[in-house]
Amino acid sequence: MSFHEQNIKAFIQVLHKKRSLFSPRDRASLEQLAASLPDDEEKISEAIASWYEKRPPILDAQLDILNTLLSEELNATRSVASAIARTEFEANQDYRQELLSAVAINHNA
């Protein structure tokens, strides 16, 4: 998932989980922003970042959720990489053992 996708996802979570941080004025401003957003995810991410950066409590909530998402993705990536490394190691071990067995058989013959 790209950073822009994560940023948008985090902001949506802030909207759902931290609704009390948004004043009526913030909501009205956000409605105007949302109505003018393009389809491009990078531009959407940049637009909402410009919006929440001017609102410290919302920025803090955004960063908290974004950090959680980034940590979860990093942990998932590490788990996958670790599983791949283990599988490759196990495969290498099997090949090594097969080679040693083949050498021993040929040596004894």
PDB file of N, CA and C in Angstrom:
ATOM      1  N   MET A   1       0.860  -1.170   0.000  1.00  0.00           N
ATOM      2  CA  MET A   1       0.000   0.000   0.000  1.00  0.00           C
ATOM      3  C   MET A   1       0.906   1.233   0.000  1.00  0.00           C
ATOM      4  N   SER A   2       0.613   2.164  -0.864  1.00  0.00           N
ATOM      5  CA  SER A   2       1.424   3.381  -0.956  1.00  0.00           C
ATOM      6  C   SER A   2       1.183   4.285   0.258  1.00  0.00           C
ATOM      7  N   PHE A   3       2.112   5.219   0.456  1.00  0.00           N
ATOM      8  CA  PHE A   3       1.939   6.167   1.554  1.00  0.00           C
ATOM      9  C   PHE A   3       0.641   6.949   1.373  1.00  0.00           C
ATOM     10  N   HIS A   4       0.338   7.350   0.142  1.00  0.00           N
ATOM     11  CA  HIS A   4      -0.872   8.143  -0.091  1.00  0.00           C
ATOM     12  C   HIS A   4      -2.128   7.349   0.269  1.00  0.00           C
ATOM     13  N   GLU A   5      -2.137   6.064  -0.061  1.00  0.00           N
ATOM     14  CA  GLU A   5      -3.273   5.221   0.312  1.00  0.00           C
ATOM     15  C   GLU A   5      -3.375   5.114   1.832  1.00  0.00           C
ATOM     16  N   GLN A   6      -2.237   4.938   2.489  1.00  0.00           N
ATOM     17  CA  GLN A   6      -2.233   4.852   3.949  1.00  0.00           C
ATOM     18  C   GLN A   6      -2.714   6.159   4.580  1.00  0.00           C
ATOM     19  N   ASN A   7      -2.284   7.273   4.015  1.00  0.00           N
ATOM     20  CA  ASN A   7      -2.685   8.577   4.533  1.00  0.00           C
ATOM     21  C   ASN A   7      -4.203   8.760   4.434  1.00  0.00           C
ATOM     22  N   ILE A   8      -4.754   8.385   3.300  1.00  0.00           N
ATOM     23  CA  ILE A   8      -6.203   8.503   3.100  1.00  0.00           C
ATOM     24  C   ILE A   8      -6.936   7.563   4.051  1.00  0.00           C
ATOM     25  N   LYS A   9      -6.469   6.325   4.134  1.00  0.00           N
ATOM     26  CA  LYS A   9      -7.094   5.342   5.027  1.00  0.00           C
ATOM     27  C   LYS A   9      -7.057   5.823   6.478  1.00  0.00           C
ATOM     28  N   ALA A  10      -5.914   6.373   6.896  1.00  0.00           N
ATOM     29  CA  ALA A  10      -5.790   6.876   8.263  1.00  0.00           C
ATOM     30  C   ALA A  10      -6.755   8.031   8.505  1.00  0.00           C
ATOM     31  N   PHE A  11      -6.871   8.921   7.529  1.00  0.00           N
ATOM     32  CA  PHE A  11      -7.761  10.064   7.699  1.00  0.00           C
ATOM     33  C   PHE A  11      -9.223   9.616   7.813  1.00  0.00           C
ATOM     34  N   ILE A  12      -9.588   8.631   7.045  1.00  0.00           N
ATOM     35  CA  ILE A  12     -10.953   8.084   7.133  1.00  0.00           C
ATOM     36  C   ILE A  12     -11.177   7.503   8.532  1.00  0.00           C
ATOM     37  N   GLN A  13     -10.158   6.842   9.074  1.00  0.00           N
ATOM     38  CA  GLN A  13     -10.289   6.313  10.439  1.00  0.00           C
ATOM     39  C   GLN A  13     -10.415   7.435  11.459  1.00  0.00           C
ATOM     40  N   VAL A  14      -9.672   8.515  11.262  1.00  0.00           N
ATOM     41  CA  VAL A  14      -9.795   9.671  12.162  1.00  0.00           C
ATOM     42  C   VAL A  14     -11.226  10.200  12.103  1.00  0.00           C
ATOM     43  N   LEU A  15     -11.761  10.306  10.903  1.00  0.00           N
ATOM     44  CA  LEU A  15     -13.138  10.788  10.755  1.00  0.00           C
ATOM     45  C   LEU A  15     -14.135   9.903  11.501  1.00  0.00           C
ATOM     46  N   HIS A  16     -13.918   8.602  11.471  1.00  0.00           N
ATOM     47  CA  HIS A  16     -14.840   7.675  12.133  1.00  0.00           C
ATOM     48  C   HIS A  16     -14.608   7.585  13.639  1.00  0.00           C
ATOM     49  N   LYS A  17     -13.344   7.521  14.030  1.00  0.00           N
ATOM     50  CA  LYS A  17     -13.026   7.251  15.433  1.00  0.00           C
ATOM     51  C   LYS A  17     -12.858   8.495  16.297  1.00  0.00           C
ATOM     52  N   LYS A  18     -12.543   9.607  15.682  1.00  0.00           N
ATOM     53  CA  LYS A  18     -12.253  10.830  16.441  1.00  0.00           C
ATOM     54  C   LYS A  18     -13.150  11.980  15.982  1.00  0.00           C
ATOM     55  N   ARG A  19     -14.378  11.672  15.734  1.00  0.00           N
ATOM     56  CA  ARG A  19     -15.342  12.653  15.206  1.00  0.00           C
ATOM     57  C   ARG A  19     -15.426  13.918  16.072  1.00  0.00           C
ATOM     58  N   SER A  20     -15.216  13.751  17.366  1.00  0.00           N
ATOM     59  CA  SER A  20     -15.342  14.896  18.284  1.00  0.00           C
ATOM     60  C   SER A  20     -14.255  15.956  18.058  1.00  0.00           C
ATOM     61  N   LEU A  21     -13.188  15.600  17.385  1.00  0.00           N
ATOM     62  CA  LEU A  21     -12.125  16.569  17.101  1.00  0.00           C
ATOM     63  C   LEU A  21     -12.534  17.594  16.041  1.00  0.00           C
ATOM     64  N   PHE A  22     -13.557  17.273  15.277  1.00  0.00           N
ATOM     65  CA  PHE A  22     -13.983  18.119  14.166  1.00  0.00           C
ATOM     66  C   PHE A  22     -15.076  19.083  14.606  1.00  0.00           C
ATOM     67  N   SER A  23     -14.767  20.364  14.572  1.00  0.00           N
ATOM     68  CA  SER A  23     -15.759  21.388  14.907  1.00  0.00           C
ATOM     69  C   SER A  23     -16.746  21.501  13.745  1.00  0.00           C
ATOM     70  N   PRO A  24     -17.886  22.146  13.973  1.00  0.00           N
ATOM     71  CA  PRO A  24     -18.816  22.363  12.864  1.00  0.00           C
ATOM     72  C   PRO A  24     -18.135  23.108  11.699  1.00  0.00           C
ATOM     73  N   ARG A  25     -17.270  24.035  12.037  1.00  0.00           N
ATOM     74  CA  ARG A  25     -16.542  24.776  10.996  1.00  0.00           C
ATOM     75  C   ARG A  25     -15.593  23.844  10.222  1.00  0.00           C
ATOM     76  N   ASP A  26     -14.916  22.940  10.952  1.00  0.00           N
ATOM     77  CA  ASP A  26     -14.049  21.956  10.307  1.00  0.00           C
ATOM     78  C   ASP A  26     -14.849  21.068   9.354  1.00  0.00           C
ATOM     79  N   ARG A  27     -15.994  20.626   9.822  1.00  0.00           N
ATOM     80  CA  ARG A  27     -16.832  19.749   8.984  1.00  0.00           C
ATOM     81  C   ARG A  27     -17.273  20.455   7.710  1.00  0.00           C
ATOM     82  N   ALA A  28     -17.657  21.715   7.852  1.00  0.00           N
ATOM     83  CA  ALA A  28     -18.080  22.479   6.671  1.00  0.00           C
ATOM     84  C   ALA A  28     -16.915  22.660   5.702  1.00  0.00           C
ATOM     85  N   SER A  29     -15.758  22.973   6.239  1.00  0.00           N
ATOM     86  CA  SER A  29     -14.564  23.141   5.417  1.00  0.00           C
ATOM     87  C   SER A  29     -14.195  21.824   4.728  1.00  0.00           C
ATOM     88  N   LEU A  30     -14.308  20.743   5.460  1.00  0.00           N
ATOM     89  CA  LEU A  30     -13.986  19.435   4.915  1.00  0.00           C
ATOM     90  C   LEU A  30     -14.978  19.018   3.828  1.00  0.00           C
ATOM     91  N   GLU A  31     -16.237  19.362   4.008  1.00  0.00           N
ATOM     92  CA  GLU A  31     -17.239  19.075   2.977  1.00  0.00           C
ATOM     93  C   GLU A  31     -16.906  19.810   1.681  1.00  0.00           C
ATOM     94  N   GLN A  32     -16.481  21.054   1.795  1.00  0.00           N
ATOM     95  CA  GLN A  32     -16.089  21.814   0.611  1.00  0.00           C
ATOM     96  C   GLN A  32     -14.870  21.182  -0.051  1.00  0.00           C
ATOM     97  N   LEU A  33     -13.911  20.799   0.756  1.00  0.00           N
ATOM     98  CA  LEU A  33     -12.712  20.159   0.224  1.00  0.00           C
ATOM     99  C   LEU A  33     -13.073  18.856  -0.492  1.00  0.00           C
ATOM    100  N   ALA A  34     -13.885  18.036   0.156  1.00  0.00           N
ATOM    101  CA  ALA A  34     -14.264  16.740  -0.415  1.00  0.00           C
ATOM    102  C   ALA A  34     -14.980  16.897  -1.750  1.00  0.00           C
ATOM    103  N   ALA A  35     -15.790  17.940  -1.866  1.00  0.00           N
ATOM    104  CA  ALA A  35     -16.537  18.169  -3.112  1.00  0.00           C
ATOM    105  C   ALA A  35     -15.612  18.526  -4.270  1.00  0.00           C
ATOM    106  N   SER A  36     -14.432  19.047  -3.956  1.00  0.00           N
ATOM    107  CA  SER A  36     -13.525  19.488  -5.012  1.00  0.00           C
ATOM    108  C   SER A  36     -12.357  18.538  -5.257  1.00  0.00           C
ATOM    109  N   LEU A  37     -12.328  17.405  -4.570  1.00  0.00           N
ATOM    110  CA  LEU A  37     -11.196  16.497  -4.711  1.00  0.00           C
ATOM    111  C   LEU A  37     -11.194  15.796  -6.066  1.00  0.00           C
ATOM    112  N   PRO A  38     -10.006  15.633  -6.652  1.00  0.00           N
ATOM    113  CA  PRO A  38      -9.892  14.897  -7.908  1.00  0.00           C
ATOM    114  C   PRO A  38      -9.933  13.390  -7.646  1.00  0.00           C
ATOM    115  N   ASP A  39      -9.842  12.596  -8.706  1.00  0.00           N
ATOM    116  CA  ASP A  39      -9.842  11.139  -8.561  1.00  0.00           C
ATOM    117  C   ASP A  39      -8.467  10.589  -8.207  1.00  0.00           C
ATOM    118  N   ASP A  40      -7.421  11.349  -8.415  1.00  0.00           N
ATOM    119  CA  ASP A  40      -6.052  10.905  -8.194  1.00  0.00           C
ATOM    120  C   ASP A  40      -5.746  10.772  -6.711  1.00  0.00           C
ATOM    121  N   GLU A  41      -5.342   9.575  -6.272  1.00  0.00           N
ATOM    122  CA  GLU A  41      -5.116   9.337  -4.836  1.00  0.00           C
ATOM    123  C   GLU A  41      -3.979  10.187  -4.273  1.00  0.00           C
ATOM    124  N   GLU A  42      -2.955  10.454  -5.055  1.00  0.00           N
ATOM    125  CA  GLU A  42      -1.851  11.282  -4.574  1.00  0.00           C
ATOM    126  C   GLU A  42      -2.333  12.705  -4.295  1.00  0.00           C
ATOM    127  N   LYS A  43      -3.156  13.244  -5.190  1.00  0.00           N
ATOM    128  CA  LYS A  43      -3.665  14.608  -5.004  1.00  0.00           C
ATOM    129  C   LYS A  43      -4.659  14.668  -3.852  1.00  0.00           C
ATOM    130  N   ILE A  44      -5.437  13.609  -3.687  1.00  0.00           N
ATOM    131  CA  ILE A  44      -6.370  13.545  -2.554  1.00  0.00           C
ATOM    132  C   ILE A  44      -5.571  13.548  -1.248  1.00  0.00           C
ATOM    133  N   SER A  45      -4.555  12.715  -1.184  1.00  0.00           N
ATOM    134  CA  SER A  45      -3.714  12.621   0.011  1.00  0.00           C
ATOM    135  C   SER A  45      -3.068  13.967   0.336  1.00  0.00           C
ATOM    136  N   GLU A  46      -2.529  14.615  -0.672  1.00  0.00           N
ATOM    137  CA  GLU A  46      -1.886  15.910  -0.458  1.00  0.00           C
ATOM    138  C   GLU A  46      -2.886  16.971  -0.012  1.00  0.00           C
ATOM    139  N   ALA A  47      -4.080  16.936  -0.584  1.00  0.00           N
ATOM    140  CA  ALA A  47      -5.105  17.924  -0.219  1.00  0.00           C
ATOM    141  C   ALA A  47      -5.553  17.744   1.230  1.00  0.00           C
ATOM    142  N   ILE A  48      -5.798  16.502   1.632  1.00  0.00           N
ATOM    143  CA  ILE A  48      -6.239  16.308   3.022  1.00  0.00           C
ATOM    144  C   ILE A  48      -5.098  16.587   3.992  1.00  0.00           C
ATOM    145  N   ALA A  49      -3.852  16.289   3.580  1.00  0.00           N
ATOM    146  CA  ALA A  49      -2.703  16.596   4.448  1.00  0.00           C
ATOM    147  C   ALA A  49      -2.585  18.102   4.654  1.00  0.00           C
ATOM    148  N   SER A  50      -2.759  18.861   3.587  1.00  0.00           N
ATOM    149  CA  SER A  50      -2.724  20.332   3.718  1.00  0.00           C
ATOM    150  C   SER A  50      -3.829  20.809   4.645  1.00  0.00           C
ATOM    151  N   TRP A  51      -4.966  20.143   4.586  1.00  0.00           N
ATOM    152  CA  TRP A  51      -6.105  20.524   5.414  1.00  0.00           C
ATOM    153  C   TRP A  51      -5.836  20.202   6.885  1.00  0.00           C
ATOM    154  N   TYR A  52      -5.437  18.958   7.193  1.00  0.00           N
ATOM    155  CA  TYR A  52      -5.283  18.589   8.605  1.00  0.00           C
ATOM    156  C   TYR A  52      -4.023  19.159   9.252  1.00  0.00           C
ATOM    157  N   GLU A  53      -3.039  19.530   8.457  1.00  0.00           N
ATOM    158  CA  GLU A  53      -1.821  20.113   9.030  1.00  0.00           C
ATOM    159  C   GLU A  53      -2.085  21.446   9.721  1.00  0.00           C
ATOM    160  N   LYS A  54      -3.184  22.108   9.364  1.00  0.00           N
ATOM    161  CA  LYS A  54      -3.546  23.392   9.971  1.00  0.00           C
ATOM    162  C   LYS A  54      -4.387  23.213  11.236  1.00  0.00           C
ATOM    163  N   ARG A  55      -4.642  21.968  11.608  1.00  0.00           N
ATOM    164  CA  ARG A  55      -5.487  21.661  12.761  1.00  0.00           C
ATOM    165  C   ARG A  55      -4.748  20.674  13.673  1.00  0.00           C
ATOM    166  N   PRO A  56      -3.964  21.191  14.615  1.00  0.00           N
ATOM    167  CA  PRO A  56      -3.088  20.328  15.434  1.00  0.00           C
ATOM    168  C   PRO A  56      -3.750  19.121  16.100  1.00  0.00           C
ATOM    169  N   PRO A  57      -4.928  19.226  16.698  1.00  0.00           N
ATOM    170  CA  PRO A  57      -5.509  18.021  17.315  1.00  0.00           C
ATOM    171  C   PRO A  57      -5.828  16.934  16.275  1.00  0.00           C
ATOM    172  N   ILE A  58      -6.299  17.355  15.110  1.00  0.00           N
ATOM    173  CA  ILE A  58      -6.606  16.391  14.052  1.00  0.00           C
ATOM    174  C   ILE A  58      -5.307  15.834  13.478  1.00  0.00           C
ATOM    175  N   LEU A  59      -4.309  16.681  13.326  1.00  0.00           N
ATOM    176  CA  LEU A  59      -2.994  16.238  12.855  1.00  0.00           C
ATOM    177  C   LEU A  59      -2.422  15.186  13.793  1.00  0.00           C
ATOM    178  N   ASP A  60      -2.509  15.414  15.094  1.00  0.00           N
ATOM    179  CA  ASP A  60      -1.993  14.440  16.065  1.00  0.00           C
ATOM    180  C   ASP A  60      -2.712  13.094  15.941  1.00  0.00           C
ATOM    181  N   ALA A  61      -4.035  13.147  15.821  1.00  0.00           N
ATOM    182  CA  ALA A  61      -4.816  11.909  15.678  1.00  0.00           C
ATOM    183  C   ALA A  61      -4.447  11.202  14.369  1.00  0.00           C
ATOM    184  N   GLN A  62      -4.283  11.989  13.310  1.00  0.00           N
ATOM    185  CA  GLN A  62      -3.898  11.434  12.016  1.00  0.00           C
ATOM    186  C   GLN A  62      -2.547  10.726  12.123  1.00  0.00           C
ATOM    187  N   LEU A  63      -1.588  11.380  12.745  1.00  0.00           N
ATOM    188  CA  LEU A  63      -0.256  10.794  12.868  1.00  0.00           C
ATOM    189  C   LEU A  63      -0.268   9.533  13.725  1.00  0.00           C
ATOM    190  N   ASP A  64      -1.069   9.517  14.774  1.00  0.00           N
ATOM    191  CA  ASP A  64      -1.182   8.321  15.607  1.00  0.00           C
ATOM    192  C   ASP A  64      -1.695   7.132  14.795  1.00  0.00           C
ATOM    193  N   ILE A  65      -2.767   7.354  14.067  1.00  0.00           N
ATOM    194  CA  ILE A  65      -3.350   6.269  13.278  1.00  0.00           C
ATOM    195  C   ILE A  65      -2.420   5.885  12.133  1.00  0.00           C
ATOM    196  N   LEU A  66      -1.828   6.865  11.490  1.00  0.00           N
ATOM    197  CA  LEU A  66      -0.901   6.592  10.390  1.00  0.00           C
ATOM    198  C   LEU A  66       0.301   5.785  10.883  1.00  0.00           C
ATOM    199  N   ASN A  67       0.833   6.140  12.035  1.00  0.00           N
ATOM    200  CA  ASN A  67       1.949   5.372  12.606  1.00  0.00           C
ATOM    201  C   ASN A  67       1.541   3.934  12.904  1.00  0.00           C
ATOM    202  N   THR A  68       0.322   3.748  13.396  1.00  0.00           N
ATOM    203  CA  THR A  68      -0.179   2.401  13.658  1.00  0.00           C
ATOM    204  C   THR A  68      -0.273   1.610  12.359  1.00  0.00           C
ATOM    205  N   LEU A  69      -0.824   2.223  11.324  1.00  0.00           N
ATOM    206  CA  LEU A  69      -0.939   1.545  10.024  1.00  0.00           C
ATOM    207  C   LEU A  69       0.438   1.193   9.461  1.00  0.00           C
ATOM    208  N   LEU A  70       1.375   2.127   9.554  1.00  0.00           N
ATOM    209  CA  LEU A  70       2.721   1.878   9.043  1.00  0.00           C
ATOM    210  C   LEU A  70       3.398   0.757   9.824  1.00  0.00           C
ATOM    211  N   SER A  71       3.223   0.742  11.137  1.00  0.00           N
ATOM    212  CA  SER A  71       3.808  -0.317  11.963  1.00  0.00           C
ATOM    213  C   SER A  71       3.208  -1.666  11.623  1.00  0.00           C
ATOM    214  N   GLU A  72       1.888  -1.711  11.449  1.00  0.00           N
ATOM    215  CA  GLU A  72       1.222  -2.964  11.093  1.00  0.00           C
ATOM    216  C   GLU A  72       1.727  -3.479   9.754  1.00  0.00           C
ATOM    217  N   GLU A  73       1.880  -2.569   8.790  1.00  0.00           N
ATOM    218  CA  GLU A  73       2.363  -2.985   7.472  1.00  0.00           C
ATOM    219  C   GLU A  73       3.808  -3.453   7.546  1.00  0.00           C
ATOM    220  N   LEU A  74       4.623  -2.759   8.319  1.00  0.00           N
ATOM    221  CA  LEU A  74       6.020  -3.156   8.477  1.00  0.00           C
ATOM    222  C   LEU A  74       6.113  -4.534   9.119  1.00  0.00           C
ATOM    223  N   ASN A  75       5.312  -4.767  10.165  1.00  0.00           N
ATOM    224  CA  ASN A  75       5.314  -6.073  10.823  1.00  0.00           C
ATOM    225  C   ASN A  75       4.846  -7.169   9.883  1.00  0.00           C
ATOM    226  N   ALA A  76       3.835  -6.890   9.085  1.00  0.00           N
ATOM    227  CA  ALA A  76       3.344  -7.872   8.116  1.00  0.00           C
ATOM    228  C   ALA A  76       4.419  -8.160   7.076  1.00  0.00           C
ATOM    229  N   THR A  77       5.104  -7.121   6.613  1.00  0.00           N
ATOM    230  CA  THR A  77       6.171  -7.298   5.627  1.00  0.00           C
ATOM    231  C   THR A  77       7.302  -8.122   6.216  1.00  0.00           C
ATOM    232  N   ARG A  78       7.659  -7.832   7.456  1.00  0.00           N
ATOM    233  CA  ARG A  78       8.720  -8.600   8.116  1.00  0.00           C
ATOM    234  C   ARG A  78       8.322 -10.056   8.277  1.00  0.00           C
ATOM    235  N   SER A  79       7.071 -10.307   8.617  1.00  0.00           N
ATOM    236  CA  SER A  79       6.606 -11.677   8.783  1.00  0.00           C
ATOM    237  C   SER A  79       6.688 -12.439   7.470  1.00  0.00           C
ATOM    238  N   VAL A  80       6.268 -11.793   6.393  1.00  0.00           N
ATOM    239  CA  VAL A  80       6.319 -12.426   5.077  1.00  0.00           C
ATOM    240  C   VAL A  80       7.771 -12.671   4.682  1.00  0.00           C
ATOM    241  N   ALA A  81       8.642 -11.670   4.879  1.00  0.00           N
ATOM    242  CA  ALA A  81      10.056 -11.813   4.534  1.00  0.00           C
ATOM    243  C   ALA A  81      10.702 -12.924   5.354  1.00  0.00           C
ATOM    244  N   SER A  82      10.340 -12.999   6.623  1.00  0.00           N
ATOM    245  CA  SER A  82      10.889 -14.041   7.489  1.00  0.00           C
ATOM    246  C   SER A  82      10.437 -15.422   7.025  1.00  0.00           C
ATOM    247  N   ALA A  83       9.177 -15.544   6.656  1.00  0.00           N
ATOM    248  CA  ALA A  83       8.656 -16.824   6.169  1.00  0.00           C
ATOM    249  C   ALA A  83       9.347 -17.226   4.870  1.00  0.00           C
ATOM    250  N   ILE A  84       9.569 -16.253   3.991  1.00  0.00           N
ATOM    251  CA  ILE A  84      10.262 -16.536   2.731  1.00  0.00           C
ATOM    252  C   ILE A  84      11.689 -16.965   3.011  1.00  0.00           C
ATOM    253  N   ALA A  85      12.364 -16.253   3.905  1.00  0.00           N
ATOM    254  CA  ALA A  85      13.749 -16.593   4.251  1.00  0.00           C
ATOM    255  C   ALA A  85      13.829 -17.992   4.852  1.00  0.00           C
ATOM    256  N   ARG A  86      12.874 -18.331   5.739  1.00  0.00           N
ATOM    257  CA  ARG A  86      12.862 -19.673   6.329  1.00  0.00           C
ATOM    258  C   ARG A  86      12.654 -20.724   5.262  1.00  0.00           C
ATOM    259  N   THR A  87      11.723 -20.475   4.337  1.00  0.00           N
ATOM    260  CA  THR A  87      11.444 -21.425   3.265  1.00  0.00           C
ATOM    261  C   THR A  87      12.667 -21.606   2.380  1.00  0.00           C
ATOM    262  N   GLU A  88      13.335 -20.489   2.049  1.00  0.00           N
ATOM    263  CA  GLU A  88      14.542 -20.569   1.231  1.00  0.00           C
ATOM    264  C   GLU A  88      15.639 -21.311   1.969  1.00  0.00           C
ATOM    265  N   PHE A  89      15.775 -21.039   3.272  1.00  0.00           N
ATOM    266  CA  PHE A  89      16.783 -21.717   4.068  1.00  0.00           C
ATOM    267  C   PHE A  89      16.499 -23.214   4.115  1.00  0.00           C
ATOM    268  N   GLU A  90      15.228 -23.566   4.353  1.00  0.00           N
ATOM    269  CA  GLU A  90      14.860 -24.977   4.403  1.00  0.00           C
ATOM    270  C   GLU A  90      15.109 -25.640   3.061  1.00  0.00           C
ATOM    271  N   ALA A  91      14.810 -24.951   1.982  1.00  0.00           N
ATOM    272  CA  ALA A  91      15.054 -25.502   0.645  1.00  0.00           C
ATOM    273  C   ALA A  91      16.545 -25.695   0.433  1.00  0.00           C
ATOM    274  N   ASN A  92      17.343 -24.724   0.852  1.00  0.00           N
ATOM    275  CA  ASN A  92      18.791 -24.848   0.718  1.00  0.00           C
ATOM    276  C   ASN A  92      19.311 -26.014   1.561  1.00  0.00           C
ATOM    277  N   GLN A  93      18.744 -26.174   2.740  1.00  0.00           N
ATOM    278  CA  GLN A  93      19.154 -27.280   3.587  1.00  0.00           C
ATOM    279  C   GLN A  93      18.841 -28.614   2.903  1.00  0.00           C
ATOM    280  N   ASP A  94      17.694 -28.744   2.292  1.00  0.00           N
ATOM    281  CA  ASP A  94      17.317 -29.967   1.599  1.00  0.00           C
ATOM    282  C   ASP A  94      18.281 -30.247   0.449  1.00  0.00           C
ATOM    283  N   TYR A  95      18.600 -29.248  -0.331  1.00  0.00           N
ATOM    284  CA  TYR A  95      19.515 -29.425  -1.445  1.00  0.00           C
ATOM    285  C   TYR A  95      20.901 -29.833  -0.944  1.00  0.00           C
ATOM    286  N   ARG A  96      21.314 -29.178   0.134  1.00  0.00           N
ATOM    287  CA  ARG A  96      22.625 -29.509   0.696  1.00  0.00           C
ATOM    288  C   ARG A  96      22.652 -30.966   1.138  1.00  0.00           C
ATOM    289  N   GLN A  97      21.607 -31.395   1.821  1.00  0.00           N
ATOM    290  CA  GLN A  97      21.545 -32.779   2.304  1.00  0.00           C
ATOM    291  C   GLN A  97      21.499 -33.753   1.130  1.00  0.00           C
ATOM    292  N   GLU A  98      20.752 -33.419   0.119  1.00  0.00           N
ATOM    293  CA  GLU A  98      20.702 -34.276  -1.069  1.00  0.00           C
ATOM    294  C   GLU A  98      22.077 -34.384  -1.717  1.00  0.00           C
ATOM    295  N   LEU A  99      22.771 -33.265  -1.807  1.00  0.00           N
ATOM    296  CA  LEU A  99      24.109 -33.260  -2.384  1.00  0.00           C
ATOM    297  C   LEU A  99      25.061 -34.114  -1.547  1.00  0.00           C
ATOM    298  N   LEU A 100      25.017 -33.937  -0.209  1.00  0.00           N
ATOM    299  CA  LEU A 100      25.881 -34.742   0.660  1.00  0.00           C
ATOM    300  C   LEU A 100      25.565 -36.211   0.535  1.00  0.00           C
ATOM    301  N   SER A 101      24.311 -36.568   0.441  1.00  0.00           N
ATOM    302  CA  SER A 101      23.925 -37.977   0.276  1.00  0.00           C
ATOM    303  C   SER A 101      24.416 -38.517  -1.048  1.00  0.00           C
ATOM    304  N   ALA A 102      24.241 -37.746  -2.088  1.00  0.00           N
ATOM    305  CA  ALA A 102      24.693 -38.179  -3.412  1.00  0.00           C
ATOM    306  C   ALA A 102      26.200 -38.365  -3.445  1.00  0.00           C
ATOM    307  N   VAL A 103      26.931 -37.462  -2.816  1.00  0.00           N
ATOM    308  CA  VAL A 103      28.390 -37.580  -2.761  1.00  0.00           C
ATOM    309  C   VAL A 103      28.789 -38.836  -1.985  1.00  0.00           C
ATOM    310  N   ALA A 104      28.127 -39.080  -0.876  1.00  0.00           N
ATOM    311  CA  ALA A 104      28.446 -40.259  -0.045  1.00  0.00           C
ATOM    312  C   ALA A 104      28.151 -41.539  -0.806  1.00  0.00           C
ATOM    313  N   ILE A 105      27.049 -41.596  -1.540  1.00  0.00           N
ATOM    314  CA  ILE A 105      26.692 -42.780  -2.314  1.00  0.00           C
ATOM    315  C   ILE A 105      27.737 -43.033  -3.395  1.00  0.00           C
ATOM    316  N   ASN A 106      28.099 -41.978  -4.119  1.00  0.00           N
ATOM    317  CA  ASN A 106      29.087 -42.116  -5.186  1.00  0.00           C
ATOM    318  C   ASN A 106      30.466 -42.464  -4.629  1.00  0.00           C
ATOM    319  N   HIS A 107      30.776 -41.994  -3.447  1.00  0.00           N
ATOM    320  CA  HIS A 107      32.074 -42.251  -2.827  1.00  0.00           C
ATOM    321  C   HIS A 107      32.170 -43.728  -2.394  1.00  0.00           C
ATOM    322  N   ASN A 108      31.050 -44.277  -1.893  1.00  0.00           N
ATOM    323  CA  ASN A 108      31.027 -45.660  -1.418  1.00  0.00           C
ATOM    324  C   ASN A 108      30.912 -46.658  -2.564  1.00  0.00           C
ATOM    325  N   ALA A 109      30.485 -46.212  -3.730  1.00  0.00           N
ATOM    326  CA  ALA A 109      30.262 -47.153  -4.829  1.00  0.00           C
ATOM    327  C   ALA A 109      31.529 -47.614  -5.497  1.00  0.00           C
TER     328      ALA A 109
END
